[in-house]
Amino acid sequence: MNIYVVVEGICEKHVYKNWIPHVNKRLSFVNYSHEIQSNNFYILTGGGFPAYYDSIDIAIEEVNTYGNIDRLVIGIDSECRAS
């Protein structure tokens, strides 16, 4: 299984990079999307709002191009401000 993850910022990348192998020990991190082979995951940092919209577009294009990615996961924070 190969997973492509888009996260909002740098902090999330560090968290998911360490957390995903704890959930699925078969998965290993790769630094670049073109390195995805077998049982890998890659994390693309979106650069915060609204820049992560462009990162999501890039991820969709790469998932469709490579053909060996089983899951596209988008992990975006959500905040609620009290009025």
N, C-alpha and C. Protein backbone atom coordinates (compact mmCIF):
# COMPACT_ATOMS: atom_id res chain seq x y z
N MET A 1 0.85 -1.17 0.00
CA MET A 1 0.00 0.00 0.00
C MET A 1 0.89 1.23 0.00
N ASN A 2 0.56 2.19 -0.83
CA ASN A 2 1.26 3.47 -0.89
C ASN A 2 0.28 4.60 -0.59
N ILE A 3 0.74 5.54 0.22
CA ILE A 3 -0.13 6.64 0.65
C ILE A 3 0.55 7.97 0.36
N TYR A 4 -0.19 8.88 -0.20
CA TYR A 4 0.24 10.25 -0.47
C TYR A 4 -0.55 11.15 0.48
N VAL A 5 0.16 11.91 1.31
CA VAL A 5 -0.49 12.73 2.33
C VAL A 5 -0.19 14.20 2.07
N VAL A 6 -1.22 15.03 2.10
CA VAL A 6 -1.06 16.48 2.03
C VAL A 6 -1.43 17.03 3.40
N VAL A 7 -0.52 17.81 3.99
CA VAL A 7 -0.79 18.43 5.28
C VAL A 7 -0.65 19.94 5.15
N GLU A 8 -1.22 20.64 6.12
CA GLU A 8 -1.25 22.09 6.03
C GLU A 8 0.12 22.72 6.22
N GLY A 9 0.87 22.29 7.22
CA GLY A 9 2.13 22.95 7.52
C GLY A 9 3.26 22.01 7.89
N ILE A 10 4.39 22.59 8.26
CA ILE A 10 5.60 21.84 8.60
C ILE A 10 5.39 20.98 9.84
N CYS A 11 4.76 21.52 10.85
CA CYS A 11 4.54 20.79 12.10
C CYS A 11 3.77 19.49 11.84
N GLU A 12 2.73 19.58 11.03
CA GLU A 12 1.93 18.39 10.72
C GLU A 12 2.77 17.33 10.00
N LYS A 13 3.68 17.78 9.14
CA LYS A 13 4.54 16.83 8.43
C LYS A 13 5.36 16.02 9.43
N HIS A 14 5.94 16.68 10.41
CA HIS A 14 6.74 15.98 11.41
C HIS A 14 5.89 15.00 12.22
N VAL A 15 4.69 15.42 12.57
CA VAL A 15 3.80 14.55 13.35
C VAL A 15 3.43 13.31 12.54
N TYR A 16 2.94 13.49 11.32
CA TYR A 16 2.51 12.35 10.50
C TYR A 16 3.68 11.45 10.11
N LYS A 17 4.84 12.04 9.86
CA LYS A 17 6.02 11.25 9.50
C LYS A 17 6.38 10.26 10.60
N ASN A 18 6.19 10.65 11.84
CA ASN A 18 6.48 9.77 12.96
C ASN A 18 5.30 8.90 13.38
N TRP A 19 4.09 9.39 13.15
CA TRP A 19 2.90 8.68 13.61
C TRP A 19 2.50 7.54 12.67
N ILE A 20 2.57 7.75 11.37
CA ILE A 20 2.11 6.74 10.40
C ILE A 20 2.82 5.39 10.59
N PRO A 21 4.14 5.34 10.75
CA PRO A 21 4.78 4.03 10.96
C PRO A 21 4.36 3.34 12.26
N HIS A 22 3.88 4.09 13.23
CA HIS A 22 3.37 3.46 14.46
C HIS A 22 2.02 2.79 14.20
N VAL A 23 1.25 3.35 13.31
CA VAL A 23 -0.06 2.79 12.98
C VAL A 23 0.08 1.62 12.02
N ASN A 24 1.00 1.74 11.07
CA ASN A 24 1.23 0.67 10.09
C ASN A 24 2.74 0.50 9.92
N LYS A 25 3.30 -0.46 10.59
CA LYS A 25 4.75 -0.67 10.62
C LYS A 25 5.32 -1.07 9.26
N ARG A 26 4.48 -1.49 8.34
CA ARG A 26 4.97 -1.86 7.00
C ARG A 26 5.29 -0.64 6.14
N LEU A 27 4.76 0.51 6.49
CA LEU A 27 4.96 1.71 5.67
C LEU A 27 6.24 2.44 6.04
N SER A 28 6.96 2.88 5.04
CA SER A 28 8.16 3.67 5.28
C SER A 28 8.07 4.98 4.50
N PHE A 29 8.62 6.01 5.09
CA PHE A 29 8.58 7.36 4.53
C PHE A 29 9.58 7.51 3.39
N VAL A 30 9.18 8.22 2.34
CA VAL A 30 10.10 8.61 1.27
C VAL A 30 10.09 10.13 1.17
N ASN A 31 11.23 10.70 0.79
CA ASN A 31 11.39 12.15 0.74
C ASN A 31 10.75 12.80 -0.48
N TYR A 32 10.59 12.04 -1.55
CA TYR A 32 10.07 12.60 -2.80
C TYR A 32 8.99 11.67 -3.36
N SER A 33 7.98 12.26 -3.95
CA SER A 33 6.86 11.46 -4.46
C SER A 33 7.30 10.46 -5.52
N HIS A 34 8.29 10.81 -6.33
CA HIS A 34 8.72 9.88 -7.38
C HIS A 34 9.47 8.66 -6.81
N GLU A 35 9.80 8.69 -5.51
CA GLU A 35 10.45 7.55 -4.86
C GLU A 35 9.47 6.48 -4.38
N ILE A 36 8.19 6.75 -4.47
CA ILE A 36 7.19 5.80 -4.00
C ILE A 36 7.27 4.52 -4.82
N GLN A 37 7.47 3.40 -4.12
CA GLN A 37 7.57 2.10 -4.78
C GLN A 37 6.54 1.12 -4.21
N SER A 38 6.82 0.62 -3.01
CA SER A 38 5.95 -0.37 -2.38
C SER A 38 5.97 -0.15 -0.87
N ASN A 39 4.78 -0.05 -0.29
CA ASN A 39 4.63 0.20 1.14
C ASN A 39 5.34 1.47 1.60
N ASN A 40 5.12 2.52 0.84
CA ASN A 40 5.71 3.82 1.15
C ASN A 40 4.63 4.84 1.42
N PHE A 41 5.04 5.92 2.11
CA PHE A 41 4.18 7.09 2.20
C PHE A 41 5.02 8.34 2.00
N TYR A 42 4.41 9.32 1.40
CA TYR A 42 5.04 10.60 1.09
C TYR A 42 4.16 11.69 1.67
N ILE A 43 4.79 12.75 2.17
CA ILE A 43 4.04 13.86 2.75
C ILE A 43 4.41 15.15 2.04
N LEU A 44 3.40 15.83 1.52
CA LEU A 44 3.57 17.13 0.88
C LEU A 44 3.03 18.19 1.82
N THR A 45 3.87 19.16 2.14
CA THR A 45 3.46 20.26 3.01
C THR A 45 2.78 21.33 2.17
N GLY A 46 1.58 21.72 2.61
CA GLY A 46 0.79 22.66 1.84
C GLY A 46 1.16 24.12 2.00
N GLY A 47 1.91 24.46 3.03
CA GLY A 47 2.32 25.85 3.21
C GLY A 47 1.27 26.74 3.83
N GLY A 48 0.29 26.15 4.49
CA GLY A 48 -0.74 26.94 5.15
C GLY A 48 -1.85 27.40 4.22
N PHE A 49 -2.84 28.03 4.82
CA PHE A 49 -3.99 28.54 4.06
C PHE A 49 -3.61 29.87 3.44
N PRO A 50 -3.95 30.12 2.21
CA PRO A 50 -4.68 29.30 1.23
C PRO A 50 -3.76 28.51 0.30
N ALA A 51 -2.44 28.55 0.55
CA ALA A 51 -1.48 27.91 -0.35
C ALA A 51 -1.70 26.41 -0.49
N TYR A 52 -2.26 25.76 0.54
CA TYR A 52 -2.41 24.31 0.45
C TYR A 52 -3.39 23.89 -0.64
N TYR A 53 -4.22 24.79 -1.13
CA TYR A 53 -5.10 24.44 -2.26
C TYR A 53 -4.27 24.05 -3.47
N ASP A 54 -3.17 24.78 -3.72
CA ASP A 54 -2.29 24.43 -4.83
C ASP A 54 -1.62 23.08 -4.59
N SER A 55 -1.25 22.80 -3.35
CA SER A 55 -0.62 21.52 -3.03
C SER A 55 -1.59 20.36 -3.25
N ILE A 56 -2.85 20.57 -2.95
CA ILE A 56 -3.85 19.53 -3.20
C ILE A 56 -3.97 19.26 -4.69
N ASP A 57 -3.96 20.31 -5.50
CA ASP A 57 -3.99 20.14 -6.96
C ASP A 57 -2.78 19.35 -7.45
N ILE A 58 -1.60 19.68 -6.92
CA ILE A 58 -0.37 18.96 -7.29
C ILE A 58 -0.49 17.49 -6.90
N ALA A 59 -0.99 17.23 -5.70
CA ALA A 59 -1.13 15.85 -5.23
C ALA A 59 -2.07 15.04 -6.12
N ILE A 60 -3.19 15.62 -6.47
CA ILE A 60 -4.14 14.92 -7.35
C ILE A 60 -3.49 14.59 -8.68
N GLU A 61 -2.77 15.54 -9.24
CA GLU A 61 -2.09 15.31 -10.52
C GLU A 61 -1.05 14.19 -10.39
N GLU A 62 -0.26 14.21 -9.31
CA GLU A 62 0.77 13.18 -9.15
C GLU A 62 0.16 11.80 -8.88
N VAL A 63 -0.89 11.73 -8.09
CA VAL A 63 -1.55 10.45 -7.85
C VAL A 63 -2.07 9.86 -9.16
N ASN A 64 -2.67 10.70 -9.98
CA ASN A 64 -3.18 10.23 -11.27
C ASN A 64 -2.06 9.86 -12.23
N THR A 65 -0.93 10.54 -12.15
CA THR A 65 0.19 10.28 -13.05
C THR A 65 0.95 9.02 -12.68
N TYR A 66 1.26 8.84 -11.40
CA TYR A 66 2.09 7.71 -10.98
C TYR A 66 1.37 6.38 -11.06
N GLY A 67 0.12 6.34 -10.67
CA GLY A 67 -0.66 5.11 -10.79
C GLY A 67 -0.36 4.04 -9.75
N ASN A 68 0.60 4.26 -8.86
CA ASN A 68 0.92 3.25 -7.85
C ASN A 68 0.57 3.72 -6.43
N ILE A 69 -0.24 4.75 -6.34
CA ILE A 69 -0.63 5.30 -5.04
C ILE A 69 -2.05 4.85 -4.73
N ASP A 70 -2.21 4.20 -3.58
CA ASP A 70 -3.49 3.62 -3.21
C ASP A 70 -4.42 4.58 -2.50
N ARG A 71 -3.85 5.53 -1.76
CA ARG A 71 -4.67 6.46 -0.97
C ARG A 71 -4.10 7.85 -1.07
N LEU A 72 -4.99 8.82 -1.19
CA LEU A 72 -4.65 10.23 -1.07
C LEU A 72 -5.33 10.73 0.19
N VAL A 73 -4.53 11.20 1.14
CA VAL A 73 -5.05 11.68 2.42
C VAL A 73 -4.74 13.16 2.53
N ILE A 74 -5.76 13.95 2.87
CA ILE A 74 -5.58 15.39 3.05
C ILE A 74 -5.88 15.70 4.50
N GLY A 75 -4.85 16.15 5.21
CA GLY A 75 -4.98 16.47 6.63
C GLY A 75 -4.84 17.97 6.85
N ILE A 76 -5.96 18.65 6.95
CA ILE A 76 -6.00 20.09 7.10
C ILE A 76 -6.60 20.44 8.45
N ASP A 77 -5.97 21.36 9.15
CA ASP A 77 -6.51 21.83 10.44
C ASP A 77 -7.81 22.56 10.20
N SER A 78 -8.61 22.59 11.24
CA SER A 78 -9.80 23.45 11.20
C SER A 78 -9.89 24.14 12.54
N GLU A 79 -10.12 25.40 12.49
CA GLU A 79 -10.26 26.19 13.70
C GLU A 79 -11.65 26.80 13.74
N CYS A 80 -12.09 27.05 14.93
CA CYS A 80 -13.38 27.70 15.11
C CYS A 80 -13.14 28.90 16.00
N ARG A 81 -13.57 30.04 15.55
CA ARG A 81 -13.42 31.24 16.34
C ARG A 81 -14.75 31.61 16.97
N ALA A 82 -14.71 31.86 18.25
CA ALA A 82 -15.94 32.27 18.94
C ALA A 82 -16.25 33.72 18.56
N SER A 83 -17.50 33.99 18.38
CA SER A 83 -17.91 35.34 18.02
C SER A 83 -18.08 36.21 19.24
